């Protein structure tokens, strides 16, 4: 391997040795180009909002009639696994006996 081929998280050795380089090269965002278009970000937000809307519709179909029940249902259904759902339920700000 030549020195030019060694990479550190997508960062080439020549970029490290460049004296004109400004900024913090060790941050992972600097190694990849920052070319996120507005449409990509908007599509991601729309898909997340659509997923949340579907979960609320499912909660209504299951007769979750209070905000606390709907919140717990959405947390359980959107959790990656049981530990994720458990941690999110603990973070819910539920009143009293709920």
C-alpha atoms as a PDB file:
ATOM      1  CA  UNK A   1       0.000   0.000   0.000  1.00  0.00           C
ATOM      2  CA  UNK A   2       1.161   3.439  -0.830  1.00  0.00           C
ATOM      3  CA  UNK A   3       0.671   6.374   1.500  1.00  0.00           C
ATOM      4  CA  UNK A   4      -1.907   7.812  -0.900  1.00  0.00           C
ATOM      5  CA  UNK A   5      -4.104   4.705  -0.604  1.00  0.00           C
ATOM      6  CA  UNK A   6      -4.365   4.655   3.186  1.00  0.00           C
ATOM      7  CA  UNK A   7      -7.764   5.898   4.270  1.00  0.00           C
ATOM      8  CA  UNK A   8      -9.155   6.926   7.620  1.00  0.00           C
ATOM      9  CA  UNK A   9     -12.958   6.772   7.506  1.00  0.00           C
ATOM     10  CA  UNK A  10     -13.004   7.766   3.864  1.00  0.00           C
ATOM     11  CA  UNK A  11     -10.373  10.444   4.395  1.00  0.00           C
ATOM     12  CA  UNK A  12      -7.323  10.175   2.160  1.00  0.00           C
ATOM     13  CA  UNK A  13      -3.817  10.550   3.535  1.00  0.00           C
ATOM     14  CA  UNK A  14      -3.122  13.381   1.113  1.00  0.00           C
ATOM     15  CA  UNK A  15      -6.009  15.354   2.583  1.00  0.00           C
ATOM     16  CA  UNK A  16      -4.494  15.013   6.056  1.00  0.00           C
ATOM     17  CA  UNK A  17      -1.160  16.341   4.861  1.00  0.00           C
ATOM     18  CA  UNK A  18      -2.704  19.298   3.019  1.00  0.00           C
ATOM     19  CA  UNK A  19      -1.550  22.461   4.879  1.00  0.00           C
ATOM     20  CA  UNK A  20      -4.358  24.517   3.330  1.00  0.00           C
ATOM     21  CA  UNK A  21      -7.014  22.251   4.855  1.00  0.00           C
ATOM     22  CA  UNK A  22      -9.241  24.097   7.257  1.00  0.00           C
ATOM     23  CA  UNK A  23     -11.756  22.677   9.669  1.00  0.00           C
ATOM     24  CA  UNK A  24     -11.883  19.588  11.771  1.00  0.00           C
ATOM     25  CA  UNK A  25     -10.965  16.705   9.484  1.00  0.00           C
ATOM     26  CA  UNK A  26     -11.668  14.097  12.151  1.00  0.00           C
ATOM     27  CA  UNK A  27     -15.400  14.792  12.127  1.00  0.00           C
ATOM     28  CA  UNK A  28     -17.192  12.167  10.070  1.00  0.00           C
ATOM     29  CA  UNK A  29     -19.317  14.734   8.254  1.00  0.00           C
ATOM     30  CA  UNK A  30     -16.231  16.260   6.663  1.00  0.00           C
ATOM     31  CA  UNK A  31     -15.194  13.016   5.001  1.00  0.00           C
ATOM     32  CA  UNK A  32     -18.336  12.730   2.905  1.00  0.00           C
ATOM     33  CA  UNK A  33     -19.766  15.431   0.706  1.00  0.00           C
ATOM     34  CA  UNK A  34     -22.570  17.502   2.148  1.00  0.00           C
ATOM     35  CA  UNK A  35     -24.911  17.390  -0.796  1.00  0.00           C
ATOM     36  CA  UNK A  36     -28.269  16.556   0.737  1.00  0.00           C
ATOM     37  CA  UNK A  37     -30.904  18.060  -1.418  1.00  0.00           C
ATOM     38  CA  UNK A  38     -33.957  19.702   0.038  1.00  0.00           C
ATOM     39  CA  UNK A  39     -36.199  17.179  -1.696  1.00  0.00           C
ATOM     40  CA  UNK A  40     -34.429  14.207  -0.047  1.00  0.00           C
ATOM     41  CA  UNK A  41     -34.841  15.751   3.388  1.00  0.00           C
ATOM     42  CA  UNK A  42     -38.477  16.659   2.679  1.00  0.00           C
ATOM     43  CA  UNK A  43     -39.200  13.107   1.494  1.00  0.00           C
ATOM     44  CA  UNK A  44     -37.708  11.660   4.683  1.00  0.00           C
ATOM     45  CA  UNK A  45     -39.780  13.994   6.855  1.00  0.00           C
ATOM     46  CA  UNK A  46     -42.913  13.178   4.850  1.00  0.00           C
ATOM     47  CA  UNK A  47     -42.342   9.431   5.185  1.00  0.00           C
ATOM     48  CA  UNK A  48     -41.839   9.735   8.953  1.00  0.00           C
ATOM     49  CA  UNK A  49     -44.990  11.845   9.262  1.00  0.00           C
ATOM     50  CA  UNK A  50     -46.913   9.322   7.163  1.00  0.00           C
ATOM     51  CA  UNK A  51     -45.709   6.486   9.398  1.00  0.00           C
ATOM     52  CA  UNK A  52     -46.793   8.381  12.515  1.00  0.00           C
ATOM     53  CA  UNK A  53     -50.193   9.058  10.949  1.00  0.00           C
ATOM     54  CA  UNK A  54     -50.619   5.350  10.131  1.00  0.00           C
ATOM     55  CA  UNK A  55     -49.760   4.415  13.718  1.00  0.00           C
ATOM     56  CA  UNK A  56     -52.352   6.853  15.036  1.00  0.00           C
ATOM     57  CA  UNK A  57     -54.962   5.373  12.687  1.00  0.00           C
ATOM     58  CA  UNK A  58     -54.079   1.882  13.916  1.00  0.00           C
ATOM     59  CA  UNK A  59     -54.387   3.078  17.503  1.00  0.00           C
ATOM     60  CA  UNK A  60     -57.849   4.456  16.754  1.00  0.00           C
ATOM     61  CA  UNK A  61     -58.820   1.165  15.097  1.00  0.00           C
ATOM     62  CA  UNK A  62     -57.768  -0.653  18.279  1.00  0.00           C
ATOM     63  CA  UNK A  63     -59.985   1.720  20.312  1.00  0.00           C
ATOM     64  CA  UNK A  64     -57.180   3.528  22.053  1.00  0.00           C
ATOM     65  CA  UNK A  65     -59.360   6.410  23.216  1.00  0.00           C
ATOM     66  CA  UNK A  66     -57.028   8.408  25.460  1.00  0.00           C
ATOM     67  CA  UNK A  67     -53.824  10.258  24.670  1.00  0.00           C
ATOM     68  CA  UNK A  68     -51.866   8.048  27.089  1.00  0.00           C
ATOM     69  CA  UNK A  69     -53.104   4.845  25.440  1.00  0.00           C
ATOM     70  CA  UNK A  70     -52.359   6.167  21.961  1.00  0.00           C
ATOM     71  CA  UNK A  71     -48.881   7.276  23.048  1.00  0.00           C
ATOM     72  CA  UNK A  72     -48.071   3.891  24.606  1.00  0.00           C
ATOM     73  CA  UNK A  73     -49.413   2.066  21.541  1.00  0.00           C
ATOM     74  CA  UNK A  74     -47.328   4.187  19.172  1.00  0.00           C
ATOM     75  CA  UNK A  75     -44.202   3.737  21.290  1.00  0.00           C
ATOM     76  CA  UNK A  76     -44.593  -0.040  21.417  1.00  0.00           C
ATOM     77  CA  UNK A  77     -45.371  -0.376  17.711  1.00  0.00           C
ATOM     78  CA  UNK A  78     -42.552   1.922  16.596  1.00  0.00           C
ATOM     79  CA  UNK A  79     -39.885   0.461  18.874  1.00  0.00           C
ATOM     80  CA  UNK A  80     -36.963  -1.344  17.259  1.00  0.00           C
ATOM     81  CA  UNK A  81     -37.116  -4.069  19.901  1.00  0.00           C
ATOM     82  CA  UNK A  82     -38.571  -4.595  23.361  1.00  0.00           C
ATOM     83  CA  UNK A  83     -35.737  -2.738  25.096  1.00  0.00           C
ATOM     84  CA  UNK A  84     -36.157   0.308  22.845  1.00  0.00           C
ATOM     85  CA  UNK A  85     -39.914   0.319  23.481  1.00  0.00           C
ATOM     86  CA  UNK A  86     -39.359  -0.076  27.237  1.00  0.00           C
ATOM     87  CA  UNK A  87     -36.932   2.853  27.368  1.00  0.00           C
ATOM     88  CA  UNK A  88     -39.287   5.058  25.357  1.00  0.00           C
ATOM     89  CA  UNK A  89     -42.215   4.170  27.627  1.00  0.00           C
ATOM     90  CA  UNK A  90     -40.140   5.152  30.657  1.00  0.00           C
ATOM     91  CA  UNK A  91     -39.462   8.526  29.022  1.00  0.00           C
ATOM     92  CA  UNK A  92     -43.163   9.187  28.452  1.00  0.00           C
ATOM     93  CA  UNK A  93     -44.489  11.807  30.805  1.00  0.00           C
ATOM     94  CA  UNK A  94     -47.475   9.819  32.062  1.00  0.00           C
ATOM     95  CA  UNK A  95     -49.579  11.209  34.902  1.00  0.00           C
ATOM     96  CA  UNK A  96     -50.100   9.363  38.183  1.00  0.00           C
ATOM     97  CA  UNK A  97     -51.146   5.726  38.025  1.00  0.00           C
ATOM     98  CA  UNK A  98     -50.719   5.409  34.303  1.00  0.00           C
END
